[in-house]
Amino acid sequence: MAPFDPYNTLGVPHNAGEAQIKQAYRSLSLQYHPDKNPDPEATKYFASHITKAYETLTDPVKFANWQEYGHPDGMQDYDESVAMPKWMNAKSKAGSTLMMLSMLGLIIVLPLGLVMRHLMQYEW
């Protein structure tokens, strides 16, 4: 995933002035604005990328946030997850039951079986 770069989104150099930024925004709005382009993907791109990039470069608070945190909305939440098989994350009863049985087998039955095998070797 590429980092957010409003200059790259608008297609202007990093030393662009306000007039050049505004001109780039206008030309992209002619291409992607919902009034000009009926494609739903164009509407999403205009709202999520082009408008956000323009606001970042013209609003001093958003620009400062972008420079400090890499995002115009400030510090973002960090999402960390662990890759697990789909059946373990399933909301269905079958996935939950299978996971519960496998945990039961690994935590209770397997150690109990090993202990029983060890005890059976000795004569009382």
N, C-alpha and C. Protein backbone atom coordinates (compact mmCIF):
# COMPACT_ATOMS: atom_id res chain seq x y z
N MET A 1 0.83 -1.17 0.00
CA MET A 1 0.00 0.00 0.00
C MET A 1 0.88 1.24 0.00
N ALA A 2 0.68 2.11 -0.96
CA ALA A 2 1.51 3.29 -1.10
C ALA A 2 1.09 4.35 -0.09
N PRO A 3 2.05 5.12 0.42
CA PRO A 3 1.71 6.20 1.34
C PRO A 3 0.93 7.30 0.63
N PHE A 4 0.14 8.03 1.39
CA PHE A 4 -0.67 9.12 0.85
C PHE A 4 0.24 10.28 0.44
N ASP A 5 0.18 10.66 -0.84
CA ASP A 5 0.95 11.80 -1.35
C ASP A 5 0.01 12.68 -2.17
N PRO A 6 -0.44 13.80 -1.60
CA PRO A 6 -1.40 14.64 -2.32
C PRO A 6 -0.83 15.26 -3.59
N TYR A 7 0.46 15.53 -3.61
CA TYR A 7 1.08 16.09 -4.81
C TYR A 7 1.01 15.10 -5.96
N ASN A 8 1.30 13.84 -5.66
CA ASN A 8 1.26 12.79 -6.67
C ASN A 8 -0.17 12.56 -7.16
N THR A 9 -1.13 12.61 -6.24
CA THR A 9 -2.54 12.41 -6.60
C THR A 9 -3.02 13.48 -7.57
N LEU A 10 -2.65 14.73 -7.29
CA LEU A 10 -3.07 15.82 -8.16
C LEU A 10 -2.17 15.98 -9.39
N GLY A 11 -1.03 15.31 -9.38
CA GLY A 11 -0.13 15.38 -10.53
C GLY A 11 0.63 16.69 -10.63
N VAL A 12 0.97 17.26 -9.48
CA VAL A 12 1.74 18.52 -9.46
C VAL A 12 3.06 18.28 -8.76
N PRO A 13 4.08 19.09 -9.06
CA PRO A 13 5.36 18.93 -8.36
C PRO A 13 5.25 19.38 -6.90
N HIS A 14 6.20 18.97 -6.09
CA HIS A 14 6.18 19.29 -4.66
C HIS A 14 6.39 20.77 -4.37
N ASN A 15 6.89 21.51 -5.33
CA ASN A 15 7.07 22.95 -5.13
C ASN A 15 5.96 23.76 -5.82
N ALA A 16 4.83 23.13 -6.10
CA ALA A 16 3.73 23.78 -6.80
C ALA A 16 3.09 24.86 -5.92
N GLY A 17 2.68 25.93 -6.57
CA GLY A 17 2.01 27.01 -5.87
C GLY A 17 0.51 26.76 -5.77
N GLU A 18 -0.17 27.67 -5.08
CA GLU A 18 -1.61 27.50 -4.87
C GLU A 18 -2.39 27.52 -6.18
N ALA A 19 -1.99 28.37 -7.11
CA ALA A 19 -2.68 28.45 -8.40
C ALA A 19 -2.52 27.16 -9.19
N GLN A 20 -1.34 26.59 -9.17
CA GLN A 20 -1.09 25.34 -9.90
C GLN A 20 -1.87 24.18 -9.27
N ILE A 21 -1.97 24.16 -7.96
CA ILE A 21 -2.73 23.13 -7.26
C ILE A 21 -4.21 23.26 -7.61
N LYS A 22 -4.71 24.48 -7.60
CA LYS A 22 -6.13 24.72 -7.91
C LYS A 22 -6.44 24.33 -9.36
N GLN A 23 -5.52 24.63 -10.28
CA GLN A 23 -5.72 24.28 -11.68
C GLN A 23 -5.74 22.76 -11.87
N ALA A 24 -4.85 22.05 -11.18
CA ALA A 24 -4.83 20.59 -11.27
C ALA A 24 -6.12 19.99 -10.71
N TYR A 25 -6.60 20.56 -9.62
CA TYR A 25 -7.85 20.07 -9.03
C TYR A 25 -9.02 20.29 -9.98
N ARG A 26 -9.07 21.44 -10.60
CA ARG A 26 -10.15 21.73 -11.55
C ARG A 26 -10.12 20.78 -12.74
N SER A 27 -8.95 20.53 -13.27
CA SER A 27 -8.87 19.64 -14.43
C SER A 27 -9.25 18.21 -14.06
N LEU A 28 -8.87 17.76 -12.86
CA LEU A 28 -9.26 16.41 -12.42
C LEU A 28 -10.74 16.35 -12.08
N SER A 29 -11.30 17.45 -11.59
CA SER A 29 -12.74 17.45 -11.29
C SER A 29 -13.57 17.38 -12.56
N LEU A 30 -13.06 17.92 -13.66
CA LEU A 30 -13.76 17.79 -14.94
C LEU A 30 -13.78 16.34 -15.41
N GLN A 31 -12.78 15.60 -15.01
CA GLN A 31 -12.67 14.21 -15.43
C GLN A 31 -13.40 13.25 -14.49
N TYR A 32 -13.37 13.50 -13.16
CA TYR A 32 -13.87 12.53 -12.19
C TYR A 32 -15.10 12.98 -11.40
N HIS A 33 -15.49 14.23 -11.46
CA HIS A 33 -16.61 14.72 -10.65
C HIS A 33 -17.89 13.96 -11.01
N PRO A 34 -18.73 13.66 -10.01
CA PRO A 34 -19.97 12.90 -10.28
C PRO A 34 -20.90 13.58 -11.29
N ASP A 35 -20.88 14.90 -11.39
CA ASP A 35 -21.72 15.59 -12.36
C ASP A 35 -21.20 15.40 -13.79
N LYS A 36 -19.91 15.13 -13.93
CA LYS A 36 -19.30 14.98 -15.26
C LYS A 36 -19.11 13.52 -15.66
N ASN A 37 -18.95 12.64 -14.68
CA ASN A 37 -18.66 11.24 -14.95
C ASN A 37 -19.63 10.37 -14.15
N PRO A 38 -20.53 9.63 -14.81
CA PRO A 38 -21.53 8.85 -14.08
C PRO A 38 -20.99 7.54 -13.48
N ASP A 39 -19.76 7.18 -13.78
CA ASP A 39 -19.19 5.94 -13.27
C ASP A 39 -19.08 6.00 -11.74
N PRO A 40 -19.61 5.01 -11.01
CA PRO A 40 -19.53 5.04 -9.54
C PRO A 40 -18.09 4.97 -9.02
N GLU A 41 -17.21 4.28 -9.75
CA GLU A 41 -15.81 4.21 -9.33
C GLU A 41 -15.14 5.58 -9.43
N ALA A 42 -15.51 6.35 -10.45
CA ALA A 42 -14.96 7.69 -10.60
C ALA A 42 -15.42 8.58 -9.45
N THR A 43 -16.66 8.42 -9.03
CA THR A 43 -17.18 9.19 -7.90
C THR A 43 -16.43 8.85 -6.62
N LYS A 44 -16.19 7.55 -6.39
CA LYS A 44 -15.43 7.14 -5.21
C LYS A 44 -14.01 7.70 -5.24
N TYR A 45 -13.37 7.62 -6.40
CA TYR A 45 -12.00 8.12 -6.52
C TYR A 45 -11.95 9.63 -6.30
N PHE A 46 -12.92 10.34 -6.83
CA PHE A 46 -12.96 11.79 -6.65
C PHE A 46 -13.11 12.15 -5.18
N ALA A 47 -14.01 11.47 -4.49
CA ALA A 47 -14.26 11.80 -3.09
C ALA A 47 -13.12 11.37 -2.18
N SER A 48 -12.57 10.18 -2.42
CA SER A 48 -11.58 9.65 -1.49
C SER A 48 -10.15 10.07 -1.79
N HIS A 49 -9.84 10.44 -3.02
CA HIS A 49 -8.45 10.76 -3.34
C HIS A 49 -8.27 12.23 -3.76
N ILE A 50 -8.99 12.64 -4.77
CA ILE A 50 -8.76 13.96 -5.34
C ILE A 50 -9.16 15.07 -4.36
N THR A 51 -10.36 14.98 -3.81
CA THR A 51 -10.81 16.00 -2.86
C THR A 51 -9.95 16.01 -1.61
N LYS A 52 -9.59 14.83 -1.14
CA LYS A 52 -8.74 14.73 0.05
C LYS A 52 -7.36 15.35 -0.22
N ALA A 53 -6.81 15.10 -1.39
CA ALA A 53 -5.50 15.67 -1.73
C ALA A 53 -5.58 17.20 -1.82
N TYR A 54 -6.63 17.71 -2.45
CA TYR A 54 -6.79 19.16 -2.58
C TYR A 54 -6.96 19.81 -1.21
N GLU A 55 -7.79 19.23 -0.37
CA GLU A 55 -7.99 19.79 0.97
C GLU A 55 -6.71 19.74 1.79
N THR A 56 -5.92 18.69 1.62
CA THR A 56 -4.66 18.58 2.35
C THR A 56 -3.70 19.69 1.97
N LEU A 57 -3.64 20.02 0.69
CA LEU A 57 -2.70 21.04 0.24
C LEU A 57 -3.19 22.46 0.46
N THR A 58 -4.49 22.66 0.68
CA THR A 58 -5.00 24.01 0.85
C THR A 58 -5.35 24.35 2.30
N ASP A 59 -5.54 23.36 3.14
CA ASP A 59 -5.86 23.60 4.55
C ASP A 59 -4.58 23.47 5.38
N PRO A 60 -4.18 24.53 6.10
CA PRO A 60 -2.92 24.47 6.85
C PRO A 60 -2.90 23.40 7.95
N VAL A 61 -4.02 23.14 8.60
CA VAL A 61 -4.07 22.12 9.65
C VAL A 61 -3.88 20.73 9.05
N LYS A 62 -4.60 20.44 7.98
CA LYS A 62 -4.47 19.13 7.33
C LYS A 62 -3.07 18.95 6.74
N PHE A 63 -2.51 20.04 6.22
CA PHE A 63 -1.17 19.96 5.65
C PHE A 63 -0.15 19.65 6.76
N ALA A 64 -0.30 20.29 7.92
CA ALA A 64 0.60 20.01 9.04
C ALA A 64 0.44 18.57 9.52
N ASN A 65 -0.81 18.09 9.60
CA ASN A 65 -1.03 16.69 9.97
C ASN A 65 -0.39 15.74 8.98
N TRP A 66 -0.52 16.05 7.70
CA TRP A 66 0.07 15.18 6.67
C TRP A 66 1.60 15.16 6.80
N GLN A 67 2.19 16.30 7.05
CA GLN A 67 3.65 16.34 7.17
C GLN A 67 4.13 15.59 8.41
N GLU A 68 3.36 15.68 9.50
CA GLU A 68 3.81 15.03 10.74
C GLU A 68 3.46 13.55 10.79
N TYR A 69 2.23 13.21 10.39
CA TYR A 69 1.76 11.83 10.54
C TYR A 69 1.62 11.06 9.23
N GLY A 70 1.72 11.73 8.09
CA GLY A 70 1.57 11.05 6.81
C GLY A 70 0.12 10.90 6.39
N HIS A 71 -0.80 11.55 7.12
CA HIS A 71 -2.23 11.47 6.81
C HIS A 71 -2.87 12.79 7.20
N PRO A 72 -3.77 13.34 6.38
CA PRO A 72 -4.35 14.65 6.69
C PRO A 72 -5.27 14.66 7.91
N ASP A 73 -5.75 13.50 8.33
CA ASP A 73 -6.63 13.45 9.49
C ASP A 73 -5.88 13.25 10.79
N GLY A 74 -4.57 13.30 10.75
CA GLY A 74 -3.77 13.14 11.97
C GLY A 74 -3.33 11.70 12.15
N MET A 75 -3.00 11.38 13.39
CA MET A 75 -2.51 10.04 13.70
C MET A 75 -3.62 9.02 13.46
N GLN A 76 -3.28 7.94 12.79
CA GLN A 76 -4.24 6.89 12.46
C GLN A 76 -4.05 5.70 13.40
N ASP A 77 -5.12 4.95 13.60
CA ASP A 77 -5.06 3.74 14.40
C ASP A 77 -4.18 2.71 13.70
N TYR A 78 -3.50 1.93 14.49
CA TYR A 78 -2.67 0.86 13.97
C TYR A 78 -3.43 -0.44 14.13
N ASP A 79 -3.62 -1.13 13.03
CA ASP A 79 -4.38 -2.38 13.07
C ASP A 79 -3.42 -3.54 12.85
N GLU A 80 -3.36 -4.41 13.84
CA GLU A 80 -2.48 -5.56 13.75
C GLU A 80 -3.34 -6.81 13.89
N SER A 81 -3.09 -7.77 13.05
CA SER A 81 -3.87 -8.99 13.11
C SER A 81 -2.98 -10.20 12.87
N VAL A 82 -3.53 -11.34 13.17
CA VAL A 82 -2.82 -12.60 13.00
C VAL A 82 -3.52 -13.39 11.91
N ALA A 83 -2.75 -13.94 11.01
CA ALA A 83 -3.33 -14.73 9.93
C ALA A 83 -3.77 -16.08 10.48
N MET A 84 -5.05 -16.35 10.32
CA MET A 84 -5.61 -17.63 10.78
C MET A 84 -6.46 -18.20 9.66
N PRO A 85 -6.67 -19.50 9.67
CA PRO A 85 -7.54 -20.09 8.65
C PRO A 85 -8.95 -19.53 8.74
N LYS A 86 -9.64 -19.52 7.62
CA LYS A 86 -10.99 -18.94 7.58
C LYS A 86 -11.95 -19.66 8.52
N TRP A 87 -11.78 -20.98 8.69
CA TRP A 87 -12.72 -21.71 9.53
C TRP A 87 -12.62 -21.28 10.99
N MET A 88 -11.46 -20.74 11.41
CA MET A 88 -11.31 -20.29 12.78
C MET A 88 -12.00 -18.94 13.02
N ASN A 89 -12.16 -18.16 11.97
CA ASN A 89 -12.81 -16.86 12.08
C ASN A 89 -14.28 -16.92 11.71
N ALA A 90 -14.76 -18.08 11.34
CA ALA A 90 -16.13 -18.20 10.85
C ALA A 90 -17.12 -17.88 11.96
N LYS A 91 -18.20 -17.25 11.57
CA LYS A 91 -19.27 -16.92 12.52
C LYS A 91 -20.29 -18.05 12.63
N SER A 92 -20.14 -19.06 11.79
CA SER A 92 -21.11 -20.16 11.81
C SER A 92 -20.83 -21.10 12.98
N LYS A 93 -21.83 -21.91 13.31
CA LYS A 93 -21.70 -22.85 14.41
C LYS A 93 -20.72 -23.96 14.07
N ALA A 94 -20.66 -24.34 12.79
CA ALA A 94 -19.78 -25.44 12.40
C ALA A 94 -18.32 -25.07 12.65
N GLY A 95 -17.93 -23.86 12.30
CA GLY A 95 -16.55 -23.43 12.52
C GLY A 95 -16.22 -23.33 13.99
N SER A 96 -17.15 -22.83 14.78
CA SER A 96 -16.94 -22.70 16.23
C SER A 96 -16.85 -24.07 16.88
N THR A 97 -17.70 -24.98 16.45
CA THR A 97 -17.68 -26.33 17.02
C THR A 97 -16.38 -27.04 16.68
N LEU A 98 -15.95 -26.91 15.45
CA LEU A 98 -14.69 -27.55 15.04
C LEU A 98 -13.52 -26.97 15.81
N MET A 99 -13.51 -25.68 16.01
CA MET A 99 -12.42 -25.06 16.76
C MET A 99 -12.45 -25.52 18.22
N MET A 100 -13.61 -25.58 18.82
CA MET A 100 -13.74 -26.00 20.21
C MET A 100 -13.28 -27.45 20.38
N LEU A 101 -13.66 -28.32 19.46
CA LEU A 101 -13.24 -29.71 19.55
C LEU A 101 -11.73 -29.86 19.37
N SER A 102 -11.16 -29.10 18.47
CA SER A 102 -9.71 -29.19 18.27
C SER A 102 -8.97 -28.66 19.50
N MET A 103 -9.45 -27.59 20.11
CA MET A 103 -8.82 -27.07 21.32
C MET A 103 -8.97 -28.07 22.47
N LEU A 104 -10.14 -28.68 22.58
CA LEU A 104 -10.37 -29.68 23.61
C LEU A 104 -9.41 -30.85 23.44
N GLY A 105 -9.21 -31.28 22.21
CA GLY A 105 -8.29 -32.38 21.95
C GLY A 105 -6.86 -32.03 22.26
N LEU A 106 -6.44 -30.85 21.92
CA LEU A 106 -5.04 -30.45 22.15
C LEU A 106 -4.75 -30.14 23.60
N ILE A 107 -5.70 -29.59 24.31
CA ILE A 107 -5.44 -29.13 25.67
C ILE A 107 -5.74 -30.21 26.71
N ILE A 108 -6.76 -31.04 26.48
CA ILE A 108 -7.17 -32.00 27.50
C ILE A 108 -6.86 -33.44 27.11
N VAL A 109 -7.35 -33.87 25.97
CA VAL A 109 -7.27 -35.28 25.60
C VAL A 109 -5.83 -35.71 25.30
N LEU A 110 -5.08 -34.94 24.56
CA LEU A 110 -3.71 -35.33 24.21
C LEU A 110 -2.82 -35.44 25.45
N PRO A 111 -2.77 -34.43 26.33
CA PRO A 111 -1.94 -34.60 27.53
C PRO A 111 -2.42 -35.75 28.44
N LEU A 112 -3.73 -35.90 28.55
CA LEU A 112 -4.26 -36.98 29.37
C LEU A 112 -3.86 -38.34 28.80
N GLY A 113 -3.91 -38.49 27.50
CA GLY A 113 -3.50 -39.74 26.86
C GLY A 113 -2.02 -40.02 27.07
N LEU A 114 -1.20 -38.99 27.00
CA LEU A 114 0.23 -39.19 27.23
C LEU A 114 0.52 -39.60 28.67
N VAL A 115 -0.17 -39.00 29.60
CA VAL A 115 0.00 -39.36 31.01
C VAL A 115 -0.45 -40.80 31.24
N MET A 116 -1.58 -41.18 30.69
CA MET A 116 -2.08 -42.55 30.85
C MET A 116 -1.11 -43.57 30.25
N ARG A 117 -0.56 -43.26 29.11
CA ARG A 117 0.41 -44.17 28.48
C ARG A 117 1.64 -44.32 29.36
N HIS A 118 2.09 -43.20 29.93
CA HIS A 118 3.27 -43.25 30.79
C HIS A 118 2.99 -44.08 32.05
N LEU A 119 1.81 -43.93 32.63
CA LEU A 119 1.47 -44.67 33.84
C LEU A 119 1.24 -46.16 33.57
N MET A 120 0.81 -46.50 32.39
CA MET A 120 0.54 -47.91 32.05
C MET A 120 1.84 -48.71 31.92
N GLN A 121 2.95 -48.06 31.77
CA GLN A 121 4.21 -48.76 31.62
C GLN A 121 4.68 -49.38 32.94
N TYR A 122 4.25 -48.82 34.03
CA TYR A 122 4.69 -49.29 35.35
C TYR A 122 3.67 -50.27 35.94
N GLU A 123 4.18 -51.25 36.63
CA GLU A 123 3.30 -52.21 37.32
C GLU A 123 3.10 -51.72 38.74
N TRP A 124 1.92 -51.81 39.23
CA TRP A 124 1.62 -51.33 40.58
C TRP A 124 1.69 -52.44 41.53
